[in-house]
């Protein structure tokens, strides 16, 4: 197998349900920003697939959005956009 093909390997079988979690400082806009980033790459984001959880002190919020992932490239693009966003501290 060539090195090029190895870089595209994944244990996931597509399409699949995949939770994407992003963490940022708590603000009224954080959920909206993260949802908009995800919607650039996913056609249909269901409202019941979005969960927000504030940290114990309330300074940070974790937003988890479960999507139907269609490819490794799609996931790579989502994570790149999330990590490029100044409001997002971490994406998992």
PDB file of N, CA and C in Angstrom:
ATOM      1  N   UNK A   1       0.855  -1.184   0.000  1.00  0.00           N
ATOM      2  CA  UNK A   1       0.000   0.000   0.000  1.00  0.00           C
ATOM      3  C   UNK A   1       0.896   1.240   0.000  1.00  0.00           C
ATOM      4  N   UNK A   2       0.593   2.212  -0.807  1.00  0.00           N
ATOM      5  CA  UNK A   2       1.409   3.411  -0.893  1.00  0.00           C
ATOM      6  C   UNK A   2       1.211   4.290   0.333  1.00  0.00           C
ATOM      7  N   UNK A   3       2.187   5.187   0.599  1.00  0.00           N
ATOM      8  CA  UNK A   3       2.077   6.117   1.730  1.00  0.00           C
ATOM      9  C   UNK A   3       0.856   7.010   1.584  1.00  0.00           C
ATOM     10  N   UNK A   4       0.515   7.350   0.341  1.00  0.00           N
ATOM     11  CA  UNK A   4      -0.653   8.209   0.097  1.00  0.00           C
ATOM     12  C   UNK A   4      -1.932   7.528   0.574  1.00  0.00           C
ATOM     13  N   UNK A   5      -2.085   6.244   0.277  1.00  0.00           N
ATOM     14  CA  UNK A   5      -3.268   5.509   0.715  1.00  0.00           C
ATOM     15  C   UNK A   5      -3.294   5.323   2.223  1.00  0.00           C
ATOM     16  N   UNK A   6      -2.133   5.133   2.851  1.00  0.00           N
ATOM     17  CA  UNK A   6      -2.076   4.964   4.304  1.00  0.00           C
ATOM     18  C   UNK A   6      -2.597   6.199   5.024  1.00  0.00           C
ATOM     19  N   UNK A   7      -2.306   7.377   4.492  1.00  0.00           N
ATOM     20  CA  UNK A   7      -2.760   8.608   5.145  1.00  0.00           C
ATOM     21  C   UNK A   7      -4.278   8.749   5.095  1.00  0.00           C
ATOM     22  N   UNK A   8      -4.925   8.021   4.195  1.00  0.00           N
ATOM     23  CA  UNK A   8      -6.376   8.088   4.084  1.00  0.00           C
ATOM     24  C   UNK A   8      -7.076   6.962   4.849  1.00  0.00           C
ATOM     25  N   UNK A   9      -6.290   6.070   5.468  1.00  0.00           N
ATOM     26  CA  UNK A   9      -6.881   4.960   6.204  1.00  0.00           C
ATOM     27  C   UNK A   9      -7.623   5.462   7.443  1.00  0.00           C
ATOM     28  N   UNK A  10      -8.678   4.763   7.783  1.00  0.00           N
ATOM     29  CA  UNK A  10      -9.428   5.065   8.991  1.00  0.00           C
ATOM     30  C   UNK A  10     -10.123   3.791   9.445  1.00  0.00           C
ATOM     31  N   UNK A  11     -10.389   3.708  10.731  1.00  0.00           N
ATOM     32  CA  UNK A  11     -11.115   2.557  11.262  1.00  0.00           C
ATOM     33  C   UNK A  11     -12.622   2.726  11.123  1.00  0.00           C
ATOM     34  N   UNK A  12     -13.040   3.926  10.761  1.00  0.00           N
ATOM     35  CA  UNK A  12     -14.465   4.205  10.612  1.00  0.00           C
ATOM     36  C   UNK A  12     -14.991   3.669   9.290  1.00  0.00           C
ATOM     37  N   UNK A  13     -16.247   3.258   9.301  1.00  0.00           N
ATOM     38  CA  UNK A  13     -16.926   2.891   8.064  1.00  0.00           C
ATOM     39  C   UNK A  13     -17.969   3.969   7.789  1.00  0.00           C
ATOM     40  N   UNK A  14     -17.899   4.554   6.608  1.00  0.00           N
ATOM     41  CA  UNK A  14     -18.791   5.658   6.271  1.00  0.00           C
ATOM     42  C   UNK A  14     -19.944   5.171   5.424  1.00  0.00           C
ATOM     43  N   UNK A  15     -21.108   5.783   5.552  1.00  0.00           N
ATOM     44  CA  UNK A  15     -21.460   6.842   6.506  1.00  0.00           C
ATOM     45  C   UNK A  15     -21.640   6.271   7.909  1.00  0.00           C
ATOM     46  N   UNK A  16     -21.435   7.147   8.914  1.00  0.00           N
ATOM     47  CA  UNK A  16     -21.601   6.738  10.307  1.00  0.00           C
ATOM     48  C   UNK A  16     -21.973   7.949  11.159  1.00  0.00           C
ATOM     49  N   UNK A  17     -22.586   7.669  12.296  1.00  0.00           N
ATOM     50  CA  UNK A  17     -22.882   8.729  13.258  1.00  0.00           C
ATOM     51  C   UNK A  17     -21.585   9.057  13.977  1.00  0.00           C
ATOM     52  N   UNK A  18     -21.240  10.346  14.070  1.00  0.00           N
ATOM     53  CA  UNK A  18     -19.960  10.744  14.643  1.00  0.00           C
ATOM     54  C   UNK A  18     -20.146  12.003  15.489  1.00  0.00           C
ATOM     55  N   UNK A  19     -19.819  11.933  16.785  1.00  0.00           N
ATOM     56  CA  UNK A  19     -19.946  13.116  17.635  1.00  0.00           C
ATOM     57  C   UNK A  19     -18.709  14.013  17.506  1.00  0.00           C
ATOM     58  N   UNK A  20     -18.956  15.280  17.283  1.00  0.00           N
ATOM     59  CA  UNK A  20     -17.881  16.273  17.225  1.00  0.00           C
ATOM     60  C   UNK A  20     -18.063  17.190  18.418  1.00  0.00           C
ATOM     61  N   UNK A  21     -17.002  17.346  19.211  1.00  0.00           N
ATOM     62  CA  UNK A  21     -17.077  18.188  20.402  1.00  0.00           C
ATOM     63  C   UNK A  21     -16.129  19.368  20.236  1.00  0.00           C
ATOM     64  N   UNK A  22     -16.626  20.557  20.545  1.00  0.00           N
ATOM     65  CA  UNK A  22     -15.805  21.760  20.510  1.00  0.00           C
ATOM     66  C   UNK A  22     -15.960  22.487  21.842  1.00  0.00           C
ATOM     67  N   UNK A  23     -14.865  23.007  22.352  1.00  0.00           N
ATOM     68  CA  UNK A  23     -14.846  23.696  23.635  1.00  0.00           C
ATOM     69  C   UNK A  23     -14.435  25.142  23.418  1.00  0.00           C
ATOM     70  N   UNK A  24     -15.148  26.061  24.083  1.00  0.00           N
ATOM     71  CA  UNK A  24     -14.807  27.472  23.981  1.00  0.00           C
ATOM     72  C   UNK A  24     -15.248  28.216  25.222  1.00  0.00           C
ATOM     73  N   UNK A  25     -14.823  29.471  25.321  1.00  0.00           N
ATOM     74  CA  UNK A  25     -15.289  30.312  26.427  1.00  0.00           C
ATOM     75  C   UNK A  25     -16.786  30.514  26.285  1.00  0.00           C
ATOM     76  N   UNK A  26     -17.482  30.447  27.400  1.00  0.00           N
ATOM     77  CA  UNK A  26     -18.935  30.590  27.380  1.00  0.00           C
ATOM     78  C   UNK A  26     -19.326  31.963  26.848  1.00  0.00           C
ATOM     79  N   UNK A  27     -20.193  31.959  25.846  1.00  0.00           N
ATOM     80  CA  UNK A  27     -20.751  33.194  25.291  1.00  0.00           C
ATOM     81  C   UNK A  27     -22.055  32.830  24.595  1.00  0.00           C
ATOM     82  N   UNK A  28     -22.942  33.821  24.424  1.00  0.00           N
ATOM     83  CA  UNK A  28     -24.206  33.534  23.735  1.00  0.00           C
ATOM     84  C   UNK A  28     -24.003  33.095  22.279  1.00  0.00           C
ATOM     85  N   UNK A  29     -22.874  33.480  21.684  1.00  0.00           N
ATOM     86  CA  UNK A  29     -22.634  33.186  20.271  1.00  0.00           C
ATOM     87  C   UNK A  29     -21.938  31.856  20.028  1.00  0.00           C
ATOM     88  N   UNK A  30     -21.359  31.237  21.069  1.00  0.00           N
ATOM     89  CA  UNK A  30     -20.519  30.056  20.853  1.00  0.00           C
ATOM     90  C   UNK A  30     -21.265  28.940  20.129  1.00  0.00           C
ATOM     91  N   UNK A  31     -22.442  28.560  20.598  1.00  0.00           N
ATOM     92  CA  UNK A  31     -23.218  27.496  19.938  1.00  0.00           C
ATOM     93  C   UNK A  31     -23.467  27.834  18.476  1.00  0.00           C
ATOM     94  N   UNK A  32     -23.870  29.065  18.215  1.00  0.00           N
ATOM     95  CA  UNK A  32     -24.192  29.493  16.848  1.00  0.00           C
ATOM     96  C   UNK A  32     -22.964  29.387  15.947  1.00  0.00           C
ATOM     97  N   UNK A  33     -21.817  29.835  16.440  1.00  0.00           N
ATOM     98  CA  UNK A  33     -20.581  29.790  15.650  1.00  0.00           C
ATOM     99  C   UNK A  33     -20.224  28.351  15.306  1.00  0.00           C
ATOM    100  N   UNK A  34     -20.273  27.465  16.295  1.00  0.00           N
ATOM    101  CA  UNK A  34     -19.905  26.065  16.072  1.00  0.00           C
ATOM    102  C   UNK A  34     -20.889  25.393  15.117  1.00  0.00           C
ATOM    103  N   UNK A  35     -22.163  25.648  15.293  1.00  0.00           N
ATOM    104  CA  UNK A  35     -23.178  25.063  14.402  1.00  0.00           C
ATOM    105  C   UNK A  35     -22.967  25.536  12.967  1.00  0.00           C
ATOM    106  N   UNK A  36     -22.677  26.818  12.789  1.00  0.00           N
ATOM    107  CA  UNK A  36     -22.443  27.343  11.441  1.00  0.00           C
ATOM    108  C   UNK A  36     -21.235  26.684  10.786  1.00  0.00           C
ATOM    109  N   UNK A  37     -20.179  26.441  11.562  1.00  0.00           N
ATOM    110  CA  UNK A  37     -18.994  25.761  11.014  1.00  0.00           C
ATOM    111  C   UNK A  37     -19.368  24.355  10.564  1.00  0.00           C
ATOM    112  N   UNK A  38     -20.095  23.628  11.403  1.00  0.00           N
ATOM    113  CA  UNK A  38     -20.492  22.259  11.065  1.00  0.00           C
ATOM    114  C   UNK A  38     -21.384  22.261   9.819  1.00  0.00           C
ATOM    115  N   UNK A  39     -22.301  23.220   9.727  1.00  0.00           N
ATOM    116  CA  UNK A  39     -23.234  23.268   8.590  1.00  0.00           C
ATOM    117  C   UNK A  39     -22.538  23.562   7.264  1.00  0.00           C
ATOM    118  N   UNK A  40     -21.314  24.074   7.298  1.00  0.00           N
ATOM    119  CA  UNK A  40     -20.554  24.254   6.053  1.00  0.00           C
ATOM    120  C   UNK A  40     -20.223  22.907   5.414  1.00  0.00           C
ATOM    121  N   UNK A  41     -20.184  21.871   6.250  1.00  0.00           N
ATOM    122  CA  UNK A  41     -19.719  20.558   5.800  1.00  0.00           C
ATOM    123  C   UNK A  41     -20.778  19.466   5.860  1.00  0.00           C
ATOM    124  N   UNK A  42     -21.883  19.725   6.565  1.00  0.00           N
ATOM    125  CA  UNK A  42     -22.924  18.716   6.757  1.00  0.00           C
ATOM    126  C   UNK A  42     -24.245  19.309   6.299  1.00  0.00           C
ATOM    127  N   UNK A  43     -24.909  18.597   5.418  1.00  0.00           N
ATOM    128  CA  UNK A  43     -26.149  19.104   4.828  1.00  0.00           C
ATOM    129  C   UNK A  43     -27.266  19.267   5.859  1.00  0.00           C
ATOM    130  N   UNK A  44     -27.412  18.278   6.735  1.00  0.00           N
ATOM    131  CA  UNK A  44     -28.553  18.277   7.643  1.00  0.00           C
ATOM    132  C   UNK A  44     -28.085  18.074   9.081  1.00  0.00           C
ATOM    133  N   UNK A  45     -28.203  19.116   9.898  1.00  0.00           N
ATOM    134  CA  UNK A  45     -27.877  19.024  11.316  1.00  0.00           C
ATOM    135  C   UNK A  45     -29.190  19.103  12.090  1.00  0.00           C
ATOM    136  N   UNK A  46     -29.526  18.018  12.769  1.00  0.00           N
ATOM    137  CA  UNK A  46     -30.770  17.957  13.534  1.00  0.00           C
ATOM    138  C   UNK A  46     -30.615  18.700  14.863  1.00  0.00           C
ATOM    139  N   UNK A  47     -31.664  19.419  15.278  1.00  0.00           N
ATOM    140  CA  UNK A  47     -31.623  20.152  16.543  1.00  0.00           C
ATOM    141  C   UNK A  47     -31.359  19.232  17.726  1.00  0.00           C
ATOM    142  N   UNK A  48     -31.910  18.013  17.694  1.00  0.00           N
ATOM    143  CA  UNK A  48     -31.711  17.099  18.818  1.00  0.00           C
ATOM    144  C   UNK A  48     -30.316  16.461  18.816  1.00  0.00           C
ATOM    145  N   UNK A  49     -29.492  16.765  17.817  1.00  0.00           N
ATOM    146  CA  UNK A  49     -28.129  16.255  17.741  1.00  0.00           C
ATOM    147  C   UNK A  49     -27.128  17.236  18.359  1.00  0.00           C
ATOM    148  N   UNK A  50     -27.635  18.365  18.875  1.00  0.00           N
ATOM    149  CA  UNK A  50     -26.783  19.417  19.430  1.00  0.00           C
ATOM    150  C   UNK A  50     -26.959  19.443  20.940  1.00  0.00           C
ATOM    151  N   UNK A  51     -25.832  19.313  21.649  1.00  0.00           N
ATOM    152  CA  UNK A  51     -25.871  19.350  23.109  1.00  0.00           C
ATOM    153  C   UNK A  51     -24.796  20.318  23.602  1.00  0.00           C
ATOM    154  N   UNK A  52     -25.171  21.167  24.570  1.00  0.00           N
ATOM    155  CA  UNK A  52     -24.218  22.089  25.183  1.00  0.00           C
ATOM    156  C   UNK A  52     -24.130  21.795  26.669  1.00  0.00           C
ATOM    157  N   UNK A  53     -22.907  21.855  27.188  1.00  0.00           N
ATOM    158  CA  UNK A  53     -22.710  21.602  28.604  1.00  0.00           C
ATOM    159  C   UNK A  53     -21.678  22.596  29.136  1.00  0.00           C
ATOM    160  N   UNK A  54     -22.101  23.442  30.102  1.00  0.00           N
ATOM    161  CA  UNK A  54     -21.147  24.388  30.691  1.00  0.00           C
ATOM    162  C   UNK A  54     -20.192  23.672  31.639  1.00  0.00           C
ATOM    163  N   UNK A  55     -19.010  24.229  31.808  1.00  0.00           N
ATOM    164  CA  UNK A  55     -18.056  23.691  32.770  1.00  0.00           C
ATOM    165  C   UNK A  55     -18.569  23.950  34.183  1.00  0.00           C
ATOM    166  N   UNK A  56     -17.942  23.331  35.143  1.00  0.00           N
ATOM    167  CA  UNK A  56     -18.377  23.463  36.535  1.00  0.00           C
ATOM    168  C   UNK A  56     -18.428  24.932  36.966  1.00  0.00           C
ATOM    169  N   UNK A  57     -17.440  25.692  36.585  1.00  0.00           N
ATOM    170  CA  UNK A  57     -17.394  27.111  36.941  1.00  0.00           C
ATOM    171  C   UNK A  57     -18.163  28.013  35.994  1.00  0.00           C
ATOM    172  N   UNK A  58     -18.631  27.451  34.888  1.00  0.00           N
ATOM    173  CA  UNK A  58     -19.410  28.221  33.923  1.00  0.00           C
ATOM    174  C   UNK A  58     -18.586  29.080  32.978  1.00  0.00           C
ATOM    175  N   UNK A  59     -17.266  28.992  33.059  1.00  0.00           N
ATOM    176  CA  UNK A  59     -16.423  29.817  32.195  1.00  0.00           C
ATOM    177  C   UNK A  59     -16.308  29.267  30.778  1.00  0.00           C
ATOM    178  N   UNK A  60     -16.482  27.965  30.632  1.00  0.00           N
ATOM    179  CA  UNK A  60     -16.330  27.305  29.340  1.00  0.00           C
ATOM    180  C   UNK A  60     -17.579  26.491  29.034  1.00  0.00           C
ATOM    181  N   UNK A  61     -17.791  26.262  27.747  1.00  0.00           N
ATOM    182  CA  UNK A  61     -18.912  25.431  27.313  1.00  0.00           C
ATOM    183  C   UNK A  61     -18.400  24.424  26.295  1.00  0.00           C
ATOM    184  N   UNK A  62     -18.835  23.177  26.456  1.00  0.00           N
ATOM    185  CA  UNK A  62     -18.551  22.125  25.480  1.00  0.00           C
ATOM    186  C   UNK A  62     -19.805  21.928  24.640  1.00  0.00           C
ATOM    187  N   UNK A  63     -19.650  22.016  23.348  1.00  0.00           N
ATOM    188  CA  UNK A  63     -20.758  21.807  22.418  1.00  0.00           C
ATOM    189  C   UNK A  63     -20.477  20.524  21.654  1.00  0.00           C
ATOM    190  N   UNK A  64     -21.400  19.567  21.737  1.00  0.00           N
ATOM    191  CA  UNK A  64     -21.270  18.308  21.005  1.00  0.00           C
ATOM    192  C   UNK A  64     -22.377  18.233  19.962  1.00  0.00           C
ATOM    193  N   UNK A  65     -21.967  17.987  18.727  1.00  0.00           N
ATOM    194  CA  UNK A  65     -22.917  17.846  17.625  1.00  0.00           C
ATOM    195  C   UNK A  65     -22.654  16.499  16.965  1.00  0.00           C
ATOM    196  N   UNK A  66     -23.663  15.640  16.964  1.00  0.00           N
ATOM    197  CA  UNK A  66     -23.528  14.343  16.317  1.00  0.00           C
ATOM    198  C   UNK A  66     -24.013  14.473  14.878  1.00  0.00           C
ATOM    199  N   UNK A  67     -23.127  14.119  13.964  1.00  0.00           N
ATOM    200  CA  UNK A  67     -23.430  14.246  12.532  1.00  0.00           C
ATOM    201  C   UNK A  67     -23.398  12.873  11.872  1.00  0.00           C
ATOM    202  N   UNK A  68     -23.914  12.802  10.673  1.00  0.00           N
ATOM    203  CA  UNK A  68     -23.699  11.624   9.841  1.00  0.00           C
ATOM    204  C   UNK A  68     -22.492  11.936   8.968  1.00  0.00           C
ATOM    205  N   UNK A  69     -21.358  11.378   9.367  1.00  0.00           N
ATOM    206  CA  UNK A  69     -20.108  11.618   8.640  1.00  0.00           C
ATOM    207  C   UNK A  69     -20.089  10.763   7.383  1.00  0.00           C
ATOM    208  N   UNK A  70     -19.631  11.358   6.289  1.00  0.00           N
ATOM    209  CA  UNK A  70     -19.614  10.646   5.016  1.00  0.00           C
ATOM    210  C   UNK A  70     -18.211  10.284   4.542  1.00  0.00           C
ATOM    211  N   UNK A  71     -17.164  10.909   5.136  1.00  0.00           N
ATOM    212  CA  UNK A  71     -15.796  10.585   4.716  1.00  0.00           C
ATOM    213  C   UNK A  71     -14.793  11.134   5.733  1.00  0.00           C
ATOM    214  N   UNK A  72     -13.601  10.577   5.676  1.00  0.00           N
ATOM    215  CA  UNK A  72     -12.511  11.080   6.526  1.00  0.00           C
ATOM    216  C   UNK A  72     -12.192  12.526   6.138  1.00  0.00           C
ATOM    217  N   UNK A  73     -12.209  12.812   4.853  1.00  0.00           N
ATOM    218  CA  UNK A  73     -11.919  14.172   4.386  1.00  0.00           C
ATOM    219  C   UNK A  73     -12.912  15.177   4.958  1.00  0.00           C
ATOM    220  N   UNK A  74     -14.182  14.799   5.017  1.00  0.00           N
ATOM    221  CA  UNK A  74     -15.195  15.677   5.598  1.00  0.00           C
ATOM    222  C   UNK A  74     -14.853  15.975   7.055  1.00  0.00           C
ATOM    223  N   UNK A  75     -14.519  14.949   7.825  1.00  0.00           N
ATOM    224  CA  UNK A  75     -14.166  15.144   9.238  1.00  0.00           C
ATOM    225  C   UNK A  75     -12.914  16.001   9.375  1.00  0.00           C
ATOM    226  N   UNK A  76     -11.909  15.742   8.542  1.00  0.00           N
ATOM    227  CA  UNK A  76     -10.685  16.550   8.574  1.00  0.00           C
ATOM    228  C   UNK A  76     -10.997  18.022   8.316  1.00  0.00           C
ATOM    229  N   UNK A  77     -11.872  18.289   7.352  1.00  0.00           N
ATOM    230  CA  UNK A  77     -12.234  19.671   7.022  1.00  0.00           C
ATOM    231  C   UNK A  77     -12.976  20.345   8.173  1.00  0.00           C
ATOM    232  N   UNK A  78     -13.882  19.611   8.819  1.00  0.00           N
ATOM    233  CA  UNK A  78     -14.617  20.164   9.965  1.00  0.00           C
ATOM    234  C   UNK A  78     -13.646  20.513  11.074  1.00  0.00           C
ATOM    235  N   UNK A  79     -12.762  19.578  11.425  1.00  0.00           N
ATOM    236  CA  UNK A  79     -11.816  19.835  12.513  1.00  0.00           C
ATOM    237  C   UNK A  79     -10.872  20.982  12.173  1.00  0.00           C
ATOM    238  N   UNK A  80     -10.474  21.103  10.929  1.00  0.00           N
ATOM    239  CA  UNK A  80      -9.610  22.218  10.530  1.00  0.00           C
ATOM    240  C   UNK A  80     -10.332  23.547  10.722  1.00  0.00           C
ATOM    241  N   UNK A  81     -11.570  23.630  10.270  1.00  0.00           N
ATOM    242  CA  UNK A  81     -12.336  24.872  10.428  1.00  0.00           C
ATOM    243  C   UNK A  81     -12.568  25.201  11.900  1.00  0.00           C
ATOM    244  N   UNK A  82     -12.856  24.183  12.714  1.00  0.00           N
ATOM    245  CA  UNK A  82     -13.065  24.427  14.142  1.00  0.00           C
ATOM    246  C   UNK A  82     -11.793  24.932  14.808  1.00  0.00           C
ATOM    247  N   UNK A  83     -10.658  24.314  14.509  1.00  0.00           N
ATOM    248  CA  UNK A  83      -9.418  24.741  15.154  1.00  0.00           C
ATOM    249  C   UNK A  83      -8.940  26.096  14.622  1.00  0.00           C
ATOM    250  N   UNK A  84      -9.350  26.464  13.435  1.00  0.00           N
ATOM    251  CA  UNK A  84      -9.012  27.790  12.893  1.00  0.00           C
ATOM    252  C   UNK A  84      -9.858  28.898  13.508  1.00  0.00           C
ATOM    253  N   UNK A  85     -10.958  28.546  14.137  1.00  0.00           N
ATOM    254  CA  UNK A  85     -11.893  29.536  14.691  1.00  0.00           C
ATOM    255  C   UNK A  85     -11.350  30.062  16.031  1.00  0.00           C
ATOM    256  N   UNK A  86     -11.206  31.378  16.178  1.00  0.00           N
ATOM    257  CA  UNK A  86     -10.644  31.932  17.424  1.00  0.00           C
ATOM    258  C   UNK A  86     -11.500  31.673  18.660  1.00  0.00           C
ATOM    259  N   UNK A  87     -12.789  31.466  18.497  1.00  0.00           N
ATOM    260  CA  UNK A  87     -13.660  31.213  19.646  1.00  0.00           C
ATOM    261  C   UNK A  87     -13.565  29.784  20.167  1.00  0.00           C
ATOM    262  N   UNK A  88     -13.009  28.892  19.357  1.00  0.00           N
ATOM    263  CA  UNK A  88     -12.893  27.480  19.734  1.00  0.00           C
ATOM    264  C   UNK A  88     -11.514  27.239  20.329  1.00  0.00           C
ATOM    265  N   UNK A  89     -11.490  26.775  21.578  1.00  0.00           N
ATOM    266  CA  UNK A  89     -10.222  26.489  22.248  1.00  0.00           C
ATOM    267  C   UNK A  89      -9.708  25.110  21.849  1.00  0.00           C
ATOM    268  N   UNK A  90     -10.635  24.149  21.719  1.00  0.00           N
ATOM    269  CA  UNK A  90     -10.253  22.767  21.428  1.00  0.00           C
ATOM    270  C   UNK A  90     -11.381  22.062  20.704  1.00  0.00           C
ATOM    271  N   UNK A  91     -11.013  21.180  19.789  1.00  0.00           N
ATOM    272  CA  UNK A  91     -12.010  20.353  19.091  1.00  0.00           C
ATOM    273  C   UNK A  91     -11.592  18.895  19.239  1.00  0.00           C
ATOM    274  N   UNK A  92     -12.557  18.070  19.610  1.00  0.00           N
ATOM    275  CA  UNK A  92     -12.301  16.630  19.814  1.00  0.00           C
ATOM    276  C   UNK A  92     -13.228  15.808  18.953  1.00  0.00           C
TER     277      UNK A  92
END
